[in-house]
Amino acid sequence: MSEALAGKIAVVTGAGSGVGRAVSVALAAAGATPVLVGRRPEPLAETAGVIAAAGGRSLVAPADVGDEAAVAALVARASDGLGGVDILVHASGVGLYGPVETYSLTDWQTTLATNLTGAFLCARAVLPMMRQRGGGAVVGIASGAGKQGYPTLSAYAASKFGLIGFLQSLAAEVAADGIKVATVVPGSILTDFAGGAADAKRADPGAKRYLEPEDVAEAVLFLLRQPRRAWTQELNLWPF
């Protein structure tokens, strides 16, 4: 158990699968209590079961991170039930790909609502509690597509470029309050994201290299365990 994380309360969005689940499990193993956030209760319950089987504890809090009222309610629940929030990890992600010419406004708005607006709403909601507790940490999971645009990824790339810029601005705003803000920029991750099955990718001998969700979780924990005097604004993580 990590003394740096023992007893901390961590809101993790996208906790029902992939990176969000891996981060939640890793945080619980380190002694923190993750608040499991996602749209669907069933996957969150599965994550909570994994945590409980390993002797940890968590709080399941279904919510759409793009919904202002839902975010306010989940943060209030974390505050009332657990006493506050020390950490926010925004791992929610939507990947709806397609060419700009035929891309629907609904898909554009859905992508930005989850990937970017959700980060804003969650951060805005937890900052007052972090200040009251003398500091905290916000970590956002961006993407290589937040540094370089690719065909059919316009909405996704726009959301991740925006996330990096948002977190850079937030970092400058809250540093004096003892709140660290960092971005993890991973390469391709072996998950079911965007409709591609992880098992199929793993079984393809000619597939490109991938990170595992646990690799990203370890990067997040590295950031959270840094000494109070140290801060990493951006961590680039690539498959080797």
Protein backbone atom coordinates (compact mmCIF):
# COMPACT_ATOMS: atom_id res chain seq x y z
CA MET A 1 0.00 0.00 0.00
CA SER A 2 1.29 3.48 -0.91
CA GLU A 3 1.35 5.92 1.99
CA ALA A 4 1.00 8.75 -0.53
CA LEU A 5 -2.40 7.46 -1.65
CA ALA A 6 -3.73 5.67 1.44
CA GLY A 7 -7.03 7.20 2.52
CA LYS A 8 -7.38 9.45 -0.52
CA ILE A 9 -10.73 9.83 -2.27
CA ALA A 10 -10.43 9.68 -6.06
CA VAL A 11 -13.16 10.36 -8.60
CA VAL A 12 -12.43 8.27 -11.70
CA THR A 13 -14.53 8.80 -14.81
CA GLY A 14 -14.85 6.05 -17.40
CA ALA A 15 -14.37 3.56 -14.57
CA GLY A 16 -16.46 0.81 -16.13
CA SER A 17 -13.82 -0.41 -18.56
CA GLY A 18 -10.39 0.09 -20.09
CA VAL A 19 -8.10 2.69 -18.62
CA GLY A 20 -10.71 3.96 -16.15
CA ARG A 21 -11.16 0.49 -14.68
CA ALA A 22 -7.39 -0.13 -14.52
CA VAL A 23 -6.82 3.20 -12.77
CA SER A 24 -9.62 2.51 -10.28
CA VAL A 25 -8.25 -0.95 -9.42
CA ALA A 26 -4.71 0.39 -9.06
CA LEU A 27 -5.82 3.25 -6.83
CA ALA A 28 -7.77 0.89 -4.58
CA ALA A 29 -4.75 -1.41 -4.32
CA ALA A 30 -2.71 1.61 -3.23
CA GLY A 31 -5.15 2.35 -0.40
CA ALA A 32 -7.32 5.01 -2.02
CA THR A 33 -11.10 4.85 -2.38
CA PRO A 34 -12.15 5.35 -6.00
CA VAL A 35 -15.53 6.85 -6.84
CA LEU A 36 -16.50 4.91 -9.96
CA VAL A 37 -18.16 7.12 -12.57
CA GLY A 38 -19.68 6.14 -15.89
CA ARG A 39 -22.98 6.12 -17.73
CA ARG A 40 -23.88 2.46 -17.19
CA PRO A 41 -24.19 0.96 -13.69
CA GLU A 42 -23.44 -2.64 -14.70
CA PRO A 43 -19.80 -2.16 -15.79
CA LEU A 44 -19.18 0.02 -12.74
CA ALA A 45 -20.51 -2.77 -10.53
CA GLU A 46 -18.08 -5.15 -12.22
CA THR A 47 -15.18 -2.82 -11.44
CA ALA A 48 -16.38 -2.53 -7.86
CA GLY A 49 -16.45 -6.33 -7.64
CA VAL A 50 -12.84 -6.59 -8.80
CA ILE A 51 -11.83 -4.04 -6.18
CA ALA A 52 -13.79 -5.75 -3.40
CA ALA A 53 -12.32 -9.17 -4.29
CA ALA A 54 -8.86 -7.71 -3.76
CA GLY A 55 -9.83 -6.26 -0.37
CA GLY A 56 -10.39 -2.67 -1.46
CA ARG A 57 -13.40 -0.42 -1.33
CA SER A 58 -15.09 1.90 -3.80
CA LEU A 59 -18.24 3.91 -4.37
CA VAL A 60 -20.32 3.35 -7.50
CA ALA A 61 -21.69 6.65 -8.81
CA PRO A 62 -23.30 6.36 -12.28
CA ALA A 63 -23.42 9.66 -14.13
CA ASP A 64 -23.08 11.21 -17.57
CA VAL A 65 -20.03 13.46 -17.22
CA GLY A 66 -21.39 15.77 -19.91
CA ASP A 67 -24.45 16.54 -17.78
CA GLU A 68 -23.85 19.46 -15.40
CA ALA A 69 -26.50 18.43 -12.87
CA ALA A 70 -25.36 14.80 -12.87
CA VAL A 71 -21.76 15.82 -12.20
CA ALA A 72 -22.81 18.10 -9.34
CA ALA A 73 -24.84 15.27 -7.84
CA LEU A 74 -22.04 12.69 -8.03
CA VAL A 75 -19.52 15.06 -6.44
CA ALA A 76 -22.00 15.88 -3.68
CA ARG A 77 -22.47 12.15 -3.12
CA ALA A 78 -18.71 11.67 -2.83
CA SER A 79 -18.50 14.55 -0.38
CA ASP A 80 -21.42 13.37 1.75
CA GLY A 81 -20.48 9.71 1.73
CA LEU A 82 -16.70 9.88 1.85
CA GLY A 83 -15.88 13.34 3.16
CA GLY A 84 -14.54 15.03 0.06
CA VAL A 85 -12.38 14.56 -3.03
CA ASP A 86 -8.58 14.55 -3.25
CA ILE A 87 -8.05 13.28 -6.79
CA LEU A 88 -9.84 13.48 -10.13
CA VAL A 89 -8.84 11.20 -13.00
CA HIS A 90 -10.74 11.96 -16.20
CA ALA A 91 -10.53 8.74 -18.22
CA SER A 92 -13.90 8.92 -19.96
CA GLY A 93 -13.59 8.71 -23.70
CA VAL A 94 -15.82 8.47 -26.76
CA GLY A 95 -14.41 7.64 -30.19
CA LEU A 96 -16.96 8.14 -32.97
CA TYR A 97 -14.95 8.19 -36.17
CA GLY A 98 -15.93 9.36 -39.65
CA PRO A 99 -15.04 11.85 -42.41
CA VAL A 100 -15.91 15.48 -41.77
CA GLU A 101 -18.08 15.74 -44.89
CA THR A 102 -20.58 13.19 -43.61
CA TYR A 103 -20.01 13.51 -39.86
CA SER A 104 -23.18 14.22 -37.88
CA LEU A 105 -23.52 17.11 -35.48
CA THR A 106 -24.87 14.67 -32.89
CA ASP A 107 -21.67 12.59 -33.00
CA TRP A 108 -19.55 15.75 -32.84
CA GLN A 109 -21.41 17.04 -29.80
CA THR A 110 -21.38 13.62 -28.08
CA THR A 111 -17.61 13.30 -28.51
CA LEU A 112 -16.84 16.77 -27.17
CA ALA A 113 -19.37 16.47 -24.34
CA THR A 114 -17.68 13.38 -22.92
CA ASN A 115 -14.03 13.97 -23.77
CA LEU A 116 -13.76 17.69 -23.11
CA THR A 117 -16.83 19.22 -21.48
CA GLY A 118 -16.90 16.34 -19.01
CA ALA A 119 -13.37 17.14 -17.90
CA PHE A 120 -14.34 20.78 -17.38
CA LEU A 121 -17.50 19.98 -15.44
CA CYS A 122 -15.80 17.43 -13.18
CA ALA A 123 -12.81 19.64 -12.49
CA ARG A 124 -14.98 22.66 -11.74
CA ALA A 125 -17.06 20.60 -9.32
CA VAL A 126 -14.16 19.14 -7.31
CA LEU A 127 -11.88 22.18 -7.05
CA PRO A 128 -13.65 23.76 -4.04
CA MET A 129 -13.27 20.54 -2.03
CA MET A 130 -9.63 20.19 -2.99
CA ARG A 131 -8.95 23.73 -1.80
CA GLN A 132 -10.69 22.97 1.51
CA ARG A 133 -8.48 19.89 1.94
CA GLY A 134 -5.29 21.85 1.29
CA GLY A 135 -4.58 20.54 -2.22
CA GLY A 136 -5.28 17.77 -4.66
CA ALA A 137 -4.58 16.40 -8.10
CA VAL A 138 -6.33 16.40 -11.45
CA VAL A 139 -5.12 13.98 -14.13
CA GLY A 140 -6.56 13.84 -17.62
CA ILE A 141 -6.04 11.01 -20.10
CA ALA A 142 -5.41 12.58 -23.48
CA SER A 143 -4.13 10.84 -26.63
CA GLY A 144 -1.52 11.00 -29.34
CA ALA A 145 -4.44 12.32 -31.40
CA GLY A 146 -4.29 15.37 -29.16
CA LYS A 147 -0.93 16.20 -30.71
CA GLN A 148 -1.53 15.13 -34.32
CA GLY A 149 -4.76 14.96 -36.27
CA TYR A 150 -5.65 11.88 -38.33
CA PRO A 151 -8.21 11.13 -41.07
CA THR A 152 -11.72 10.38 -39.76
CA LEU A 153 -10.70 11.42 -36.22
CA SER A 154 -11.58 15.11 -36.42
CA ALA A 155 -13.96 15.21 -33.45
CA TYR A 156 -11.81 12.94 -31.32
CA ALA A 157 -8.64 14.88 -32.13
CA ALA A 158 -10.37 18.21 -31.47
CA SER A 159 -11.53 16.97 -28.08
CA LYS A 160 -8.08 15.73 -27.09
CA PHE A 161 -6.25 18.84 -28.37
CA GLY A 162 -8.78 20.81 -26.32
CA LEU A 163 -8.28 18.63 -23.25
CA ILE A 164 -4.53 19.25 -23.26
CA GLY A 165 -5.05 23.01 -23.56
CA PHE A 166 -7.73 23.03 -20.89
CA LEU A 167 -5.52 21.18 -18.41
CA GLN A 168 -2.55 23.47 -19.12
CA SER A 169 -4.73 26.49 -18.34
CA LEU A 170 -6.20 24.87 -15.25
CA ALA A 171 -2.73 24.01 -13.97
CA ALA A 172 -1.75 27.67 -14.10
CA GLU A 173 -4.93 28.70 -12.28
CA VAL A 174 -4.77 26.35 -9.30
CA ALA A 175 -1.07 25.75 -8.62
CA ALA A 176 -1.08 28.32 -5.82
CA ASP A 177 -3.79 26.27 -4.07
CA GLY A 178 -1.60 23.17 -3.95
CA ILE A 179 -3.57 21.45 -6.71
CA LYS A 180 -1.47 19.68 -9.33
CA VAL A 181 -2.87 19.22 -12.83
CA ALA A 182 -1.27 16.75 -15.21
CA THR A 183 -1.97 15.13 -18.57
CA VAL A 184 -1.07 11.61 -19.63
CA VAL A 185 -0.66 11.35 -23.40
CA PRO A 186 -0.70 7.64 -24.31
CA GLY A 187 -0.24 5.94 -27.63
CA SER A 188 -2.61 3.20 -28.77
CA ILE A 189 -4.05 1.17 -25.89
CA LEU A 190 -5.26 -2.44 -26.06
CA THR A 191 -8.94 -1.93 -25.21
CA ASP A 192 -12.32 -2.28 -26.91
CA PHE A 193 -12.36 1.47 -27.54
CA ALA A 194 -14.03 2.76 -30.72
CA GLY A 195 -15.48 -0.61 -31.63
CA GLY A 196 -12.22 -2.52 -32.00
CA ALA A 197 -12.13 -5.65 -29.82
CA ALA A 198 -9.05 -5.91 -27.63
CA ASP A 199 -8.93 -9.69 -28.00
CA ALA A 200 -8.84 -9.41 -31.79
CA LYS A 201 -6.03 -6.88 -31.63
CA ARG A 202 -4.09 -9.10 -29.25
CA ALA A 203 -4.53 -12.15 -31.48
CA ASP A 204 -3.28 -10.40 -34.63
CA PRO A 205 0.41 -11.24 -34.98
CA GLY A 206 0.92 -8.40 -37.42
CA ALA A 207 -0.74 -5.78 -35.23
CA LYS A 208 1.03 -2.64 -34.18
CA ARG A 209 2.34 -2.32 -30.66
CA TYR A 210 -0.15 -1.42 -27.95
CA LEU A 211 -0.08 -0.30 -24.36
CA GLU A 212 -2.13 -2.22 -21.81
CA PRO A 213 -4.62 -0.23 -19.68
CA GLU A 214 -2.50 -1.14 -16.65
CA ASP A 215 0.46 0.69 -18.20
CA VAL A 216 -1.55 3.89 -18.22
CA ALA A 217 -2.73 3.24 -14.68
CA GLU A 218 0.89 2.94 -13.54
CA ALA A 219 1.66 6.28 -15.19
CA VAL A 220 -1.23 7.89 -13.32
CA LEU A 221 -0.04 6.47 -10.00
CA PHE A 222 3.49 7.68 -10.73
CA LEU A 223 2.15 11.22 -11.07
CA LEU A 224 0.06 10.96 -7.91
CA ARG A 225 2.99 9.62 -5.87
CA GLN A 226 5.38 12.41 -6.76
CA PRO A 227 6.65 14.50 -3.83
CA ARG A 228 4.62 17.61 -3.07
CA ARG A 229 7.46 19.78 -4.38
CA ALA A 230 7.51 18.00 -7.78
CA TRP A 231 5.10 18.37 -10.68
CA THR A 232 4.92 16.78 -14.11
CA GLN A 233 2.63 18.74 -16.40
CA GLU A 234 2.60 16.20 -19.23
CA LEU A 235 3.64 12.56 -19.39
CA ASN A 236 4.01 10.98 -22.85
CA LEU A 237 3.58 7.20 -22.78
CA TRP A 238 4.23 5.07 -25.85
CA PRO A 239 4.26 1.31 -26.52
CA PHE A 240 7.76 -0.17 -26.77
